[in-house]
Every structure is written in C-alpha cells, then in structure tokens.
Amino acid sequence: MDLEAAPDPRVDHTPRATNLSAVVAVTAHMHDCGNRDEILALLVEALPELGPFTVESESVLTDESDDVWRQRVLLDDSWSRPVSLTLRADYPPTPVQATLLELLIQHTGSALRAASLRSRAATHERQLREATDEITALGARALRLEEQAKIHDTFGRLAATGADETAIAETLHLMTGLAVGVEDAFGNLRVWAGPDKAPRYRKIGGGNRVDVLRRAAMEGHPLRHDNRIVQIVRPGQTLLGVLYLSDPEHRATDLDTVALEHAATMLAVDMSHRRSLAETEARLSRDLGADLLGGTDDDSAYSRADALGYDLHTPQRVLAVHWGPDTPVESVTEALRRHLTSSDSSALLVHGNEHRTGILAAVMDAKTDVNLIFTALEKSLGPAVGVIGVGSECTSPSGLPDSYTHAIRALEIRKQSLSPRGVALFDELGVYRILDSHSSTGDVEAFVQEWLGPLLDYDREHRSTMTATLAQYLECGGKYDETAQALRIHRSTLRYRMSRIHELTGRDLRSVDTRLNLHLASRALQVLAGGAPG
C-alpha cells in the first residue's frame, strides 16, 4: 500500500465516527506531548484500536512466503535520524482500517515534525541565550581586565616617578573615592588621604590589633575589619605598616580591593627602600656617634658629619637616656627617633656601648629643648622611672667625650636622688658635682671656677681681696658686724665690697642654694690652695 498516495475518490472508505475520533484524540495528544519517544509510543498503543495492527520487532526474521500482511513505514522529522517501522497484521486490513492507518501515520509524521521544530527552536533559543550570556561575561571580563590594566598602569607610572607614601595614598583615594590611611608598624597614623578624618584616631584593631593583623596575614588578601578594608604591608616576614580603605558605607568594589593590593605592593617597595636607607644611615650615624663619644679629631668628625647631613659646627651637647630596667634601649631609640622625625630635628644616636649597657646616648644641638624630648618619650614609652642626663655644652667635637661623661654623671646623680625621674643638667648640679663619689680634682676646680671665677679674675687684675671678703662673710653666717671685725674693716667698707661682689658674680646672696654653693666653693678653694678650711 502506498501511504503517500492520495485516496481513490471512487472508493467509499469513510471510517466510522468512533474510530475516527480515536485517531483524532491520539494525534492531538501526539501534538501536545512534543516528545519523539512519547509520540512513537502513542502510535504503537493506537494501532490495535484501528485494526489488527502491531509493530513487528526488527529481530524477527521475515518470511516472504507466509500470508501475514506487512507494511514498512519510514517516519522522518527532517531533523533527527528517520525512524523505520514495520507494521504487521495477521490478515490484510479492510479499506476503512487502511484509511484510518494512513491517517494515523500522516498525523504521526506531522507530530514528529512539529516536535522536531519545537525542539530545534528550544535548542536555538538555549544556544542563543548561552551565547548572549557568554558574550556578556566576556564583555564583563574584558571591562574588568581593562580596569585592572588602568590600575596597573597608574601605579606603574607612579612608581617610575619615585612617589612616596603620601602620593601612593592620594592616588589610591582618587581611584577608589574612599579615604585612605597608612599606619606604621606600631599603629601610628602616618598618612591620611581623603575627607572626614576623625579628631581622635583609633588604630586598626584597637586593643585587638595583633590578632587582626595576624588574621590579615593569614588571609593573604585585603581583609574587612569593621569599617575598614585592611591590607598589611609586609615584604617577607617584617611588618612595615598597614594600608587601608575607610569604607563605613560598605560600597567598596572588588576593583577597589585590587587597587588596594597594587598600592600595598608599591608601598612595600617604598617602605623597604626607606627602611634600608634609614638602617644604613642609623648605622653610619651610630658609628660616628660612638667615635665622637670616644674621641676623634675635629676635621674627621666634621667631614663625616657633613656626609651624613648632620651639622656639627653648631654648639653640641650629649644626652644620656635611661628608661628603667624593663624598657629595652632599642625601644627608647625608636621612640626618640620618631620624636626627632616629627619635630624635624636630628641627632646622632648611640646605644649598645660595652661600658654603658641599657643607656642611649645622643649627640644633638645644644639649643634642643630636652624637656620636650622627655615629655615625648614619656608619652611613647609610658611613665616609667625615666631619666635624661644632659652633658655640658661644647663648641667643637673634641669636647664631646667630656660632655658624655658629664651626661652620665648627671644621669647617675639623678637616679640616686630622692626624685629619680626627669631631666638632670650637669651645668645645674651645683654642689652635687663635688659631692658625687666619682668626682675628681678637675671637677672641683671647675666648680670653684663656675662660682668664684669672676671674683678670682677681679682680684688678680686689681690685687683686691673680694674672694677672701666673701669667704669670711659666709663663714660668719652673713653677719656684717662679725665679718667686719674679723676682716678689721669698717662696716660701710664691707657693705661696699658686698655690693661689688653682687655686681661681679651676678648671684643673689639671699638665695639659700646660692650661699651654699658659694660657701662650698670658697672652702674648696682653700683646699685646692693647700690650706685648711676655717
């Protein structure tokens, strides 16, 4: 039977309504299900309803000599591989059955083609959607790569200019629109770029700073902590500082964190370079300072100081700093160096002297306010029993060893006093300079010259007895009548001499300390002259 041939109009093969309805129902279901396997299953199920039809298995051997009716049907949906079915009946179908069979096969082919078209449309739609998503993703990746390239290029050009940490922070602020902070290793704010700087700065982590930085180091990438995105600056194992974005509104993007990482990398290079220079400069400064305290010629000292950028031509003095037994001298050194940097001052720092362990020595300009230094150290190191001994002023490098000795003397005397804390100036020790167990004859002579020098010079020049008059006046407890009687002069003469002594020395004899120092100096003068004190 030719299933593709048009029906013969001369033959009346009108199917019965019930069978025709069954065909319509099955084919409608075929068109609704849209699945190829389900359509073929419906075909197989509908065949017995139309007549003695079944689908013969391909494994069955066909015998052409038997009386079984067979018809091979090829179903092609124009998309998938054609399906070949062999229809079988024990006897030839009637014309009505053949018509219904032909109608079912035609509708089955139509349903397969419709399902194929829907499948192809769905496939094309899915492929189009996937392609669109891939194009979108590629566009996003291209845009991100472009932005990353801009970040890399910006910091690359910045590195080529030798920019410092301030320029790095400001560039990061402009790129992200977020405020940027740079902390040193101790949590002190070094740089702030952007608005809204808090009047009272709170370092990252607060009291929990160590744990926060340890977690940031373990993460290996920017870490959000509260309202900040933190990136540690640590080339190798040495923490140099912390770079962060201030993001209280949590609006930072992943590109902002990429920029933060680039900036941190550049900052690490800058900080490492400056640290290396600082260590080299500190070593050279320490070596020069040690040589100055030990004694060296002036010409060599001047040339070496000039090479370091330190001016030794101005009057200098030596400071000896000790901050209690529990504070390492390295901590004192770092705190003093930070103060010098913040106050735009300079000094030559020396510690680790084999004879003075635990004491920091500093050669600095004689005009430096030592009280400000003490206050800064106390703020940084805490209110321990800190002492700064200040040596005498010297006008040339050759005098620095004596200034160092004086600074140590002042330091030791203050530590042994009833108030073992604060600043002790050797030039203001007065009588304590000769009461110190380490004092020498030279110290006594210097003490006498400091207090009686103008009178001794005046007596030598005018062959007068002003020094002896003062000594007798002090021996008599400041009593005019007894002093005049002992000197065998008139009371008015004594008053004249005491007035001249006041003018020559510039000392206020009404001061108890002044009278004590003058009295001891006059007694010491008698000892130095070989006489016994009266």
Protein backbone atom coordinates (compact mmCIF):
# COMPACT_ATOMS: atom_id res chain seq x y z
CA MET A 1 0.00 0.00 0.00
CA ASP A 2 1.29 3.41 -0.94
CA LEU A 3 0.78 5.56 2.11
CA GLU A 4 1.87 8.70 0.30
CA ALA A 5 -0.72 8.25 -2.50
CA ALA A 6 -3.95 10.23 -2.39
CA PRO A 7 -7.07 8.17 -1.61
CA ASP A 8 -9.17 6.96 -4.51
CA PRO A 9 -12.33 9.13 -4.61
CA ARG A 10 -14.25 6.33 -6.33
CA VAL A 11 -13.99 4.08 -3.35
CA ASP A 12 -16.04 4.92 -0.34
CA HIS A 13 -13.70 4.33 2.60
CA THR A 14 -15.38 6.50 5.13
CA PRO A 15 -14.23 5.49 8.64
CA ARG A 16 -16.66 5.10 11.44
CA ALA A 17 -17.04 8.06 13.75
CA THR A 18 -15.77 6.22 16.84
CA ASN A 19 -12.56 5.06 15.18
CA LEU A 20 -12.05 8.46 13.59
CA SER A 21 -12.49 10.16 16.96
CA ALA A 22 -9.89 7.83 18.45
CA VAL A 23 -7.42 8.78 15.73
CA VAL A 24 -8.09 12.48 16.27
CA ALA A 25 -7.69 12.14 20.03
CA VAL A 26 -4.42 10.24 19.71
CA THR A 27 -2.93 12.61 17.16
CA ALA A 28 -3.98 15.64 19.25
CA HIS A 29 -2.18 14.07 22.18
CA MET A 30 0.83 13.49 19.94
CA HIS A 31 0.95 17.16 19.03
CA ASP A 32 0.59 18.20 22.66
CA CYS A 33 3.29 15.99 24.17
CA GLY A 34 6.06 17.17 21.86
CA ASN A 35 8.39 14.31 22.73
CA ARG A 36 9.57 11.98 19.95
CA ASP A 37 9.63 8.81 22.07
CA GLU A 38 6.19 9.56 23.52
CA ILE A 39 4.78 10.18 20.01
CA LEU A 40 6.05 6.82 18.78
CA ALA A 41 4.73 5.14 21.95
CA LEU A 42 1.28 6.63 21.29
CA LEU A 43 1.45 5.34 17.71
CA VAL A 44 2.19 1.81 18.93
CA GLU A 45 -0.61 1.99 21.51
CA ALA A 46 -3.16 3.34 18.99
CA LEU A 47 -2.56 0.69 16.26
CA PRO A 48 -4.68 -2.09 17.86
CA GLU A 49 -7.56 0.38 18.23
CA LEU A 50 -7.70 0.81 14.44
CA GLY A 51 -7.38 -2.79 13.38
CA PRO A 52 -5.25 -5.91 13.73
CA PHE A 53 -2.07 -3.84 13.56
CA THR A 54 1.14 -4.26 15.58
CA VAL A 55 4.72 -3.18 15.18
CA GLU A 56 6.97 -6.06 14.28
CA SER A 57 10.27 -6.29 16.08
CA GLU A 58 13.36 -5.86 13.95
CA SER A 59 14.79 -9.04 15.42
CA VAL A 60 12.00 -11.13 13.88
CA LEU A 61 13.01 -12.88 10.68
CA THR A 62 10.64 -12.07 7.84
CA ASP A 63 9.30 -14.91 5.71
CA GLU A 64 8.04 -13.59 2.38
CA SER A 65 6.09 -16.80 1.67
CA ASP A 66 3.69 -16.54 4.65
CA ASP A 67 0.24 -14.86 4.43
CA VAL A 68 0.98 -12.16 7.05
CA TRP A 69 0.34 -8.59 5.96
CA ARG A 70 3.31 -6.26 6.44
CA GLN A 71 3.92 -2.63 5.64
CA ARG A 72 7.23 -0.78 6.16
CA VAL A 73 6.77 2.84 7.24
CA LEU A 74 9.53 5.49 7.26
CA LEU A 75 8.89 8.43 9.62
CA ASP A 76 11.16 11.42 9.01
CA ASP A 77 11.01 14.60 11.11
CA SER A 78 13.58 16.38 8.89
CA TRP A 79 15.92 16.84 11.85
CA SER A 80 16.72 13.58 13.61
CA ARG A 81 17.57 10.21 12.14
CA PRO A 82 14.46 8.73 10.33
CA VAL A 83 12.53 6.04 12.17
CA SER A 84 11.71 2.86 10.27
CA LEU A 85 8.77 0.76 11.50
CA THR A 86 7.36 -2.50 10.14
CA LEU A 87 3.60 -2.75 10.63
CA ARG A 88 2.15 -6.28 10.79
CA ALA A 89 -1.34 -7.78 10.61
CA ASP A 90 -2.40 -11.39 10.54
CA TYR A 91 -4.70 -10.59 7.64
CA PRO A 92 -4.97 -7.68 5.19
CA PRO A 93 -6.77 -4.63 6.62
CA THR A 94 -10.09 -3.53 5.31
CA PRO A 95 -10.28 -0.31 3.30
CA VAL A 96 -11.61 1.53 6.35
CA GLN A 97 -8.81 0.21 8.52
CA ALA A 98 -6.26 1.14 5.87
CA THR A 99 -7.66 4.65 5.69
CA LEU A 100 -7.50 5.07 9.47
CA LEU A 101 -3.98 3.67 9.49
CA GLU A 102 -2.91 6.07 6.76
CA LEU A 103 -4.45 8.98 8.66
CA LEU A 104 -2.69 7.97 11.90
CA ILE A 105 0.67 7.63 10.15
CA GLN A 106 0.30 11.03 8.47
CA HIS A 107 -0.57 12.72 11.75
CA THR A 108 2.29 10.88 13.48
CA GLY A 109 4.73 12.28 10.89
CA SER A 110 3.23 15.74 11.34
CA ALA A 111 3.54 15.49 15.15
CA LEU A 112 7.16 14.33 14.84
CA ARG A 113 7.99 17.27 12.55
CA ALA A 114 6.24 19.74 14.90
CA ALA A 115 8.07 18.28 17.91
CA SER A 116 11.32 18.49 15.97
CA LEU A 117 10.68 22.13 15.13
CA ARG A 118 9.91 22.96 18.76
CA SER A 119 13.00 21.10 19.91
CA ARG A 120 15.15 22.90 17.36
CA ALA A 121 13.63 26.25 18.39
CA ALA A 122 14.29 25.49 22.06
CA THR A 123 17.80 24.40 21.22
CA HIS A 124 18.43 27.54 19.21
CA GLU A 125 16.93 29.65 21.98
CA ARG A 126 19.12 27.98 24.58
CA GLN A 127 22.20 28.33 22.39
CA LEU A 128 21.36 31.97 21.76
CA ARG A 129 20.86 32.56 25.49
CA GLU A 130 24.13 30.80 26.30
CA ALA A 131 25.92 32.79 23.60
CA THR A 132 24.41 36.00 24.95
CA ASP A 133 25.48 35.09 28.48
CA GLU A 134 28.96 34.22 27.26
CA ILE A 135 29.22 37.48 25.34
CA THR A 136 28.06 39.36 28.43
CA ALA A 137 30.58 37.50 30.59
CA LEU A 138 33.33 38.14 28.05
CA GLY A 139 32.38 41.81 28.00
CA ALA A 140 32.49 41.96 31.79
CA ARG A 141 35.84 40.18 31.83
CA ALA A 142 37.18 42.50 29.14
CA LEU A 143 35.96 45.52 31.10
CA ARG A 144 37.50 44.17 34.31
CA LEU A 145 40.78 43.45 32.56
CA GLU A 146 40.72 46.96 31.14
CA GLU A 147 40.13 48.44 34.60
CA GLN A 148 42.87 46.27 36.08
CA ALA A 149 45.20 47.38 33.32
CA LYS A 150 44.40 51.01 34.17
CA ILE A 151 45.17 50.33 37.84
CA HIS A 152 48.42 48.60 36.96
CA ASP A 153 49.39 51.35 34.53
CA THR A 154 48.57 54.11 37.01
CA PHE A 155 50.70 52.64 39.79
CA GLY A 156 53.40 51.66 37.32
CA ARG A 157 53.73 55.27 36.15
CA LEU A 158 53.60 56.40 39.78
CA ALA A 159 56.44 54.03 40.70
CA ALA A 160 58.52 55.39 37.85
CA THR A 161 58.35 58.85 39.42
CA GLY A 162 59.66 57.59 42.75
CA ALA A 163 56.47 58.59 44.57
CA ASP A 164 56.41 58.40 48.36
CA GLU A 165 53.72 57.01 50.66
CA THR A 166 51.73 60.25 50.58
CA ALA A 167 51.47 60.19 46.77
CA ILE A 168 50.53 56.50 46.84
CA ALA A 169 47.74 57.10 49.37
CA GLU A 170 46.38 60.10 47.46
CA THR A 171 46.39 58.16 44.17
CA LEU A 172 44.51 55.28 45.80
CA HIS A 173 41.99 57.76 47.21
CA LEU A 174 41.37 59.28 43.77
CA MET A 175 40.94 55.85 42.16
CA THR A 176 38.50 54.44 44.73
CA GLY A 177 36.78 57.56 46.02
CA LEU A 178 37.38 56.23 49.56
CA ALA A 179 39.50 57.74 52.32
CA VAL A 180 42.90 56.06 52.67
CA GLY A 181 45.08 55.62 55.74
CA VAL A 182 48.67 54.46 56.21
CA GLU A 183 49.77 53.22 59.62
CA ASP A 184 53.28 52.37 60.71
CA ALA A 185 54.09 49.04 62.34
CA PHE A 186 53.05 50.39 65.74
CA GLY A 187 49.62 51.66 64.66
CA ASN A 188 50.54 55.34 64.41
CA LEU A 189 48.82 57.15 61.53
CA ARG A 190 51.48 58.29 59.06
CA VAL A 191 49.34 59.44 56.12
CA TRP A 192 45.65 60.27 55.61
CA ALA A 193 44.19 60.94 52.17
CA GLY A 194 40.58 62.00 51.89
CA PRO A 195 37.92 63.79 53.93
CA ASP A 196 36.34 63.04 57.30
CA LYS A 197 39.44 62.36 59.35
CA ALA A 198 38.38 61.62 62.91
CA PRO A 199 39.66 64.11 65.53
CA ARG A 200 40.75 61.20 67.71
CA TYR A 201 42.43 58.48 65.68
CA ARG A 202 41.78 54.84 66.55
CA LYS A 203 44.38 52.44 65.21
CA ILE A 204 43.30 49.30 63.39
CA GLY A 205 42.08 46.62 65.77
CA GLY A 206 42.42 48.83 68.82
CA GLY A 207 43.44 46.61 71.74
CA ASN A 208 43.00 43.58 69.47
CA ARG A 209 45.43 44.88 66.83
CA VAL A 210 47.82 41.89 66.95
CA ASP A 211 45.05 39.37 66.26
CA VAL A 212 43.60 41.45 63.42
CA LEU A 213 46.97 41.80 61.69
CA ARG A 214 47.71 38.11 62.19
CA ARG A 215 44.39 37.22 60.54
CA ALA A 216 45.12 39.63 57.66
CA ALA A 217 48.50 37.98 57.16
CA MET A 218 46.92 34.52 57.08
CA GLU A 219 44.25 35.63 54.57
CA GLY A 220 46.87 36.91 52.17
CA HIS A 221 44.45 39.42 50.63
CA PRO A 222 42.55 42.53 51.78
CA LEU A 223 40.53 41.86 54.91
CA ARG A 224 37.48 43.78 56.04
CA HIS A 225 37.57 44.78 59.70
CA ASP A 226 34.68 46.92 60.90
CA ASN A 227 34.52 49.92 58.52
CA ARG A 228 37.96 49.39 57.03
CA ILE A 229 39.43 47.16 54.34
CA VAL A 230 42.90 46.28 55.58
CA GLN A 231 45.99 45.23 53.65
CA ILE A 232 49.21 44.69 55.60
CA VAL A 233 52.49 45.92 54.13
CA ARG A 234 54.89 43.12 54.82
CA PRO A 235 57.61 42.19 52.34
CA GLY A 236 58.90 38.90 53.69
CA GLN A 237 58.27 38.42 57.41
CA THR A 238 58.83 42.02 58.56
CA LEU A 239 55.73 44.12 59.17
CA LEU A 240 56.39 47.63 57.88
CA GLY A 241 52.91 49.08 58.14
CA VAL A 242 49.25 48.82 57.20
CA LEU A 243 47.36 50.35 54.26
CA TYR A 244 43.58 50.53 54.43
CA LEU A 245 40.44 51.91 52.79
CA SER A 246 37.91 53.61 55.05
CA ASP A 247 34.55 52.21 53.92
CA PRO A 248 31.83 52.90 56.52
CA GLU A 249 29.06 52.57 53.89
CA HIS A 250 30.38 49.22 52.59
CA ARG A 251 30.40 50.40 48.99
CA ALA A 252 33.88 49.23 48.00
CA THR A 253 34.02 47.01 44.89
CA ASP A 254 36.37 44.17 44.08
CA LEU A 255 38.27 46.55 41.79
CA ASP A 256 38.83 48.80 44.82
CA THR A 257 40.45 45.88 46.60
CA VAL A 258 42.58 45.20 43.50
CA ALA A 259 43.74 48.83 43.60
CA LEU A 260 44.43 48.43 47.33
CA GLU A 261 46.63 45.41 46.66
CA HIS A 262 48.57 47.23 43.92
CA ALA A 263 49.06 50.23 46.20
CA ALA A 264 50.20 47.98 49.07
CA THR A 265 52.75 46.29 46.80
CA MET A 266 54.13 49.65 45.73
CA LEU A 267 54.09 50.90 49.31
CA ALA A 268 56.03 47.82 50.42
CA VAL A 269 58.78 48.65 47.93
CA ASP A 270 58.86 52.29 49.07
CA MET A 271 58.85 51.41 52.78
CA SER A 272 61.51 48.72 52.32
CA HIS A 273 63.73 51.17 50.46
CA ARG A 274 63.30 53.87 53.09
CA ARG A 275 63.84 51.36 55.88
CA SER A 276 67.05 50.16 54.24
CA LEU A 277 68.26 53.75 53.87
CA ALA A 278 67.29 54.51 57.46
CA GLU A 279 69.13 51.45 58.75
CA THR A 280 72.23 52.37 56.75
CA GLU A 281 72.04 55.97 57.93
CA ALA A 282 71.45 54.85 61.51
CA ARG A 283 74.46 52.55 61.38
CA LEU A 284 76.69 55.28 59.97
CA SER A 285 75.26 57.73 62.49
CA ARG A 286 75.82 55.25 65.32
CA ASP A 287 79.39 54.64 64.21
CA LEU A 288 80.11 58.37 64.00
CA GLY A 289 78.41 58.98 67.34
CA ALA A 290 80.45 56.23 69.01
CA ASP A 291 83.66 57.70 67.62
CA LEU A 292 82.67 61.18 68.81
CA LEU A 293 81.98 59.94 72.34
CA GLY A 294 85.25 58.02 72.36
CA GLY A 295 87.21 60.97 70.98
CA THR A 296 88.23 61.83 67.44
CA ASP A 297 89.85 64.74 65.65
CA ASP A 298 87.67 67.67 64.67
CA ASP A 299 88.43 67.63 60.94
CA SER A 300 87.44 63.98 60.53
CA ALA A 301 84.34 64.49 62.63
CA TYR A 302 83.21 67.49 60.56
CA SER A 303 83.68 65.72 57.21
CA ARG A 304 81.89 62.53 58.31
CA ALA A 305 79.00 64.51 59.80
CA ASP A 306 78.69 66.57 56.60
CA ALA A 307 78.44 63.34 54.60
CA LEU A 308 75.53 62.27 56.82
CA GLY A 309 73.86 65.65 56.54
CA TYR A 310 74.39 66.47 60.22
CA ASP A 311 75.72 69.88 61.27
CA LEU A 312 78.46 69.55 63.91
CA HIS A 313 79.56 73.16 63.55
CA THR A 314 76.92 74.45 65.98
CA PRO A 315 77.40 74.01 69.76
CA GLN A 316 76.57 70.44 70.79
CA ARG A 317 75.89 68.52 73.94
CA VAL A 318 75.39 64.85 74.82
CA LEU A 319 72.24 63.34 76.29
CA ALA A 320 72.29 60.06 78.24
CA VAL A 321 68.84 58.41 78.40
CA HIS A 322 67.78 55.53 80.62
CA TRP A 323 64.14 54.41 80.94
CA GLY A 324 64.07 51.89 83.74
CA PRO A 325 65.22 48.25 83.77
CA ASP A 326 62.15 46.91 81.93
CA THR A 327 62.41 49.13 78.85
CA PRO A 328 64.91 47.93 76.19
CA VAL A 329 67.27 50.56 74.89
CA GLU A 330 66.08 49.69 71.36
CA SER A 331 62.57 50.85 72.28
CA VAL A 332 63.98 54.09 73.68
CA THR A 333 65.97 54.58 70.49
CA GLU A 334 62.94 54.05 68.26
CA ALA A 335 60.78 56.40 70.35
CA LEU A 336 63.43 59.15 70.27
CA ARG A 337 63.91 58.69 66.53
CA ARG A 338 60.15 59.10 65.95
CA HIS A 339 60.15 62.28 68.03
CA LEU A 340 63.10 63.70 66.10
CA THR A 341 61.34 62.94 62.82
CA SER A 342 58.05 64.52 63.91
CA SER A 343 59.82 67.64 65.25
CA ASP A 344 62.09 67.93 62.19
CA SER A 345 65.16 67.59 64.42
CA SER A 346 68.25 65.44 64.12
CA ALA A 347 70.76 63.74 66.37
CA LEU A 348 73.46 61.10 66.34
CA LEU A 349 72.19 58.15 68.40
CA VAL A 350 74.47 55.61 70.06
CA HIS A 351 73.49 52.60 72.13
CA GLY A 352 74.98 49.24 72.94
CA ASN A 353 78.17 50.77 74.36
CA GLU A 354 80.03 47.98 76.08
CA HIS A 355 80.62 50.14 79.17
CA ARG A 356 77.12 51.66 79.34
CA THR A 357 74.61 48.91 78.56
CA GLY A 358 70.98 49.97 78.65
CA ILE A 359 71.78 53.65 78.13
CA LEU A 360 71.10 55.57 74.93
CA ALA A 361 73.50 58.40 74.14
CA ALA A 362 72.51 61.19 71.75
CA VAL A 363 74.68 63.94 70.31
CA MET A 364 72.48 66.89 69.41
CA ASP A 365 72.29 70.65 69.08
CA ALA A 366 72.79 72.38 72.42
CA LYS A 367 69.67 74.52 71.83
CA THR A 368 67.37 71.48 71.72
CA ASP A 369 64.64 71.58 74.39
CA VAL A 370 65.38 68.46 76.41
CA ASN A 371 62.15 68.79 78.41
CA LEU A 372 60.14 68.33 75.19
CA ILE A 373 62.15 65.19 74.46
CA PHE A 374 61.42 63.83 77.94
CA THR A 375 57.69 64.51 77.51
CA ALA A 376 57.64 62.79 74.10
CA LEU A 377 59.47 59.73 75.44
CA GLU A 378 57.16 59.52 78.42
CA LYS A 379 54.14 59.63 76.11
CA SER A 380 55.55 56.91 73.89
CA LEU A 381 57.19 54.62 76.46
CA GLY A 382 54.96 55.19 79.45
CA PRO A 383 55.57 56.90 82.80
CA ALA A 384 58.42 54.68 83.94
CA VAL A 385 61.33 55.98 86.01
CA GLY A 386 62.91 57.68 83.01
CA VAL A 387 65.97 59.91 83.36
CA ILE A 388 67.79 62.08 80.84
CA GLY A 389 71.24 63.28 81.83
CA VAL A 390 72.40 66.35 79.91
CA GLY A 391 76.11 66.97 79.46
CA SER A 392 77.85 70.29 79.24
CA GLU A 393 77.84 72.34 76.04
CA CYS A 394 80.87 72.11 73.78
CA THR A 395 81.83 74.17 70.75
CA SER A 396 83.88 71.52 68.94
CA PRO A 397 83.66 67.74 68.52
CA SER A 398 86.74 67.20 70.65
CA GLY A 399 84.74 68.30 73.70
CA LEU A 400 82.02 65.68 73.27
CA PRO A 401 83.75 62.93 75.34
CA ASP A 402 83.71 65.26 78.36
CA SER A 403 80.09 66.18 77.64
CA TYR A 404 79.26 62.47 77.54
CA THR A 405 80.99 61.91 80.88
CA HIS A 406 79.06 64.83 82.35
CA ALA A 407 75.77 63.46 80.97
CA ILE A 408 76.42 60.07 82.58
CA ARG A 409 77.33 61.82 85.87
CA ALA A 410 74.12 63.84 85.78
CA LEU A 411 72.13 60.69 84.97
CA GLU A 412 73.64 58.69 87.84
CA ILE A 413 73.25 61.52 90.36
CA ARG A 414 69.57 61.96 89.44
CA LYS A 415 68.92 58.19 89.66
CA GLN A 416 70.37 58.13 93.19
CA SER A 417 68.44 61.20 94.32
CA LEU A 418 65.11 61.36 96.17
CA SER A 419 63.44 62.22 92.84
CA PRO A 420 64.90 59.66 90.40
CA ARG A 421 62.96 60.83 87.37
CA GLY A 422 63.19 63.70 84.89
CA VAL A 423 65.88 65.80 83.25
CA ALA A 424 69.20 66.40 85.02
CA LEU A 425 71.53 69.06 83.56
CA PHE A 426 75.16 68.74 84.57
CA ASP A 427 75.59 72.52 84.47
CA GLU A 428 72.87 72.89 87.10
CA LEU A 429 74.04 70.22 89.52
CA GLY A 430 75.85 72.78 91.65
CA VAL A 431 77.19 71.27 94.84
CA TYR A 432 76.20 67.77 93.76
CA ARG A 433 79.02 67.84 91.25
CA ILE A 434 81.60 67.77 94.06
CA LEU A 435 79.55 65.56 96.37
CA ASP A 436 79.40 62.83 93.75
CA SER A 437 81.66 59.93 94.68
CA HIS A 438 83.02 59.86 91.12
CA SER A 439 84.14 63.48 91.17
CA SER A 440 87.77 64.40 90.55
CA THR A 441 90.02 67.36 91.31
CA GLY A 442 89.24 68.71 87.87
CA ASP A 443 85.55 68.71 88.70
CA VAL A 444 86.21 70.58 91.94
CA GLU A 445 88.30 73.16 90.10
CA ALA A 446 85.55 73.58 87.52
CA PHE A 447 83.01 74.04 90.33
CA VAL A 448 85.17 76.68 92.03
CA GLN A 449 85.72 78.50 88.74
CA GLU A 450 81.98 78.43 87.96
CA TRP A 451 81.03 80.08 91.27
CA LEU A 452 84.08 82.18 92.17
CA GLY A 453 85.68 82.75 88.77
CA PRO A 454 84.61 86.42 88.33
CA LEU A 455 85.91 87.32 91.82
CA LEU A 456 89.21 85.50 91.31
CA ASP A 457 89.72 87.28 87.98
CA TYR A 458 88.89 90.62 89.57
CA ASP A 459 91.30 90.04 92.49
CA ARG A 460 94.14 89.10 90.13
CA GLU A 461 93.54 92.14 87.96
CA HIS A 462 93.10 94.67 90.78
CA ARG A 463 95.08 92.95 93.52
CA SER A 464 91.99 93.09 95.70
CA THR A 465 90.55 90.69 98.31
CA MET A 466 86.99 90.27 97.11
CA THR A 467 87.18 86.45 97.27
CA ALA A 468 88.51 86.49 100.83
CA THR A 469 85.87 89.02 101.87
CA LEU A 470 83.08 86.79 100.53
CA ALA A 471 84.58 83.71 102.20
CA GLN A 472 84.74 85.46 105.57
CA TYR A 473 81.22 86.81 105.18
CA LEU A 474 79.92 83.28 104.56
CA GLU A 475 81.95 81.86 107.44
CA CYS A 476 80.32 84.42 109.73
CA GLY A 477 76.87 83.36 108.58
CA GLY A 478 76.23 86.62 106.74
CA LYS A 479 76.61 88.78 109.88
CA TYR A 480 78.05 92.17 108.96
CA ASP A 481 79.46 93.16 112.35
CA GLU A 482 81.31 89.87 112.90
CA THR A 483 82.61 89.86 109.32
CA ALA A 484 83.85 93.50 109.55
CA GLN A 485 85.53 92.77 112.87
CA ALA A 486 87.22 89.62 111.50
CA LEU A 487 88.45 91.49 108.42
CA ARG A 488 89.36 94.55 110.52
CA ILE A 489 87.50 96.89 108.20
CA HIS A 490 84.69 99.35 108.71
CA ARG A 491 81.09 98.15 108.34
CA SER A 492 80.48 100.60 105.47
CA THR A 493 83.54 99.25 103.66
CA LEU A 494 82.15 95.74 103.99
CA ARG A 495 78.82 96.86 102.58
CA TYR A 496 80.59 98.40 99.58
CA ARG A 497 82.57 95.21 98.97
CA MET A 498 79.43 93.02 99.20
CA SER A 499 77.70 95.29 96.70
CA ARG A 500 80.63 94.88 94.29
CA ILE A 501 80.62 91.10 94.82
CA HIS A 502 76.97 91.02 93.83
CA GLU A 503 77.71 93.01 90.69
CA LEU A 504 80.72 90.87 89.73
CA THR A 505 79.10 87.46 90.29
CA GLY A 506 75.52 88.29 89.37
CA ARG A 507 74.47 86.00 92.21
CA ASP A 508 71.64 86.65 94.64
CA LEU A 509 73.15 86.19 98.09
CA ARG A 510 69.68 85.99 99.58
CA SER A 511 69.20 82.57 97.94
CA VAL A 512 69.99 79.69 100.27
CA ASP A 513 71.28 77.49 97.42
CA THR A 514 73.45 80.28 96.08
CA ARG A 515 75.02 80.95 99.50
CA LEU A 516 75.58 77.21 99.97
CA ASN A 517 77.32 76.81 96.61
CA LEU A 518 79.45 79.93 97.18
CA HIS A 519 80.40 78.72 100.66
CA LEU A 520 81.40 75.28 99.41
CA ALA A 521 83.32 76.81 96.53
CA SER A 522 85.28 79.05 98.92
CA ARG A 523 86.02 76.07 101.17
CA ALA A 524 87.10 74.01 98.15
CA LEU A 525 89.35 76.89 97.05
CA GLN A 526 91.15 76.76 100.38
CA VAL A 527 91.63 73.01 99.98
CA LEU A 528 92.98 73.42 96.45
CA ALA A 529 95.29 76.20 97.70
CA GLY A 530 96.70 73.87 100.35
CA GLY A 531 95.05 75.49 103.32
CA ALA A 532 92.67 74.03 105.86
CA PRO A 533 89.07 75.18 105.97
CA GLY A 534 88.41 77.62 108.76
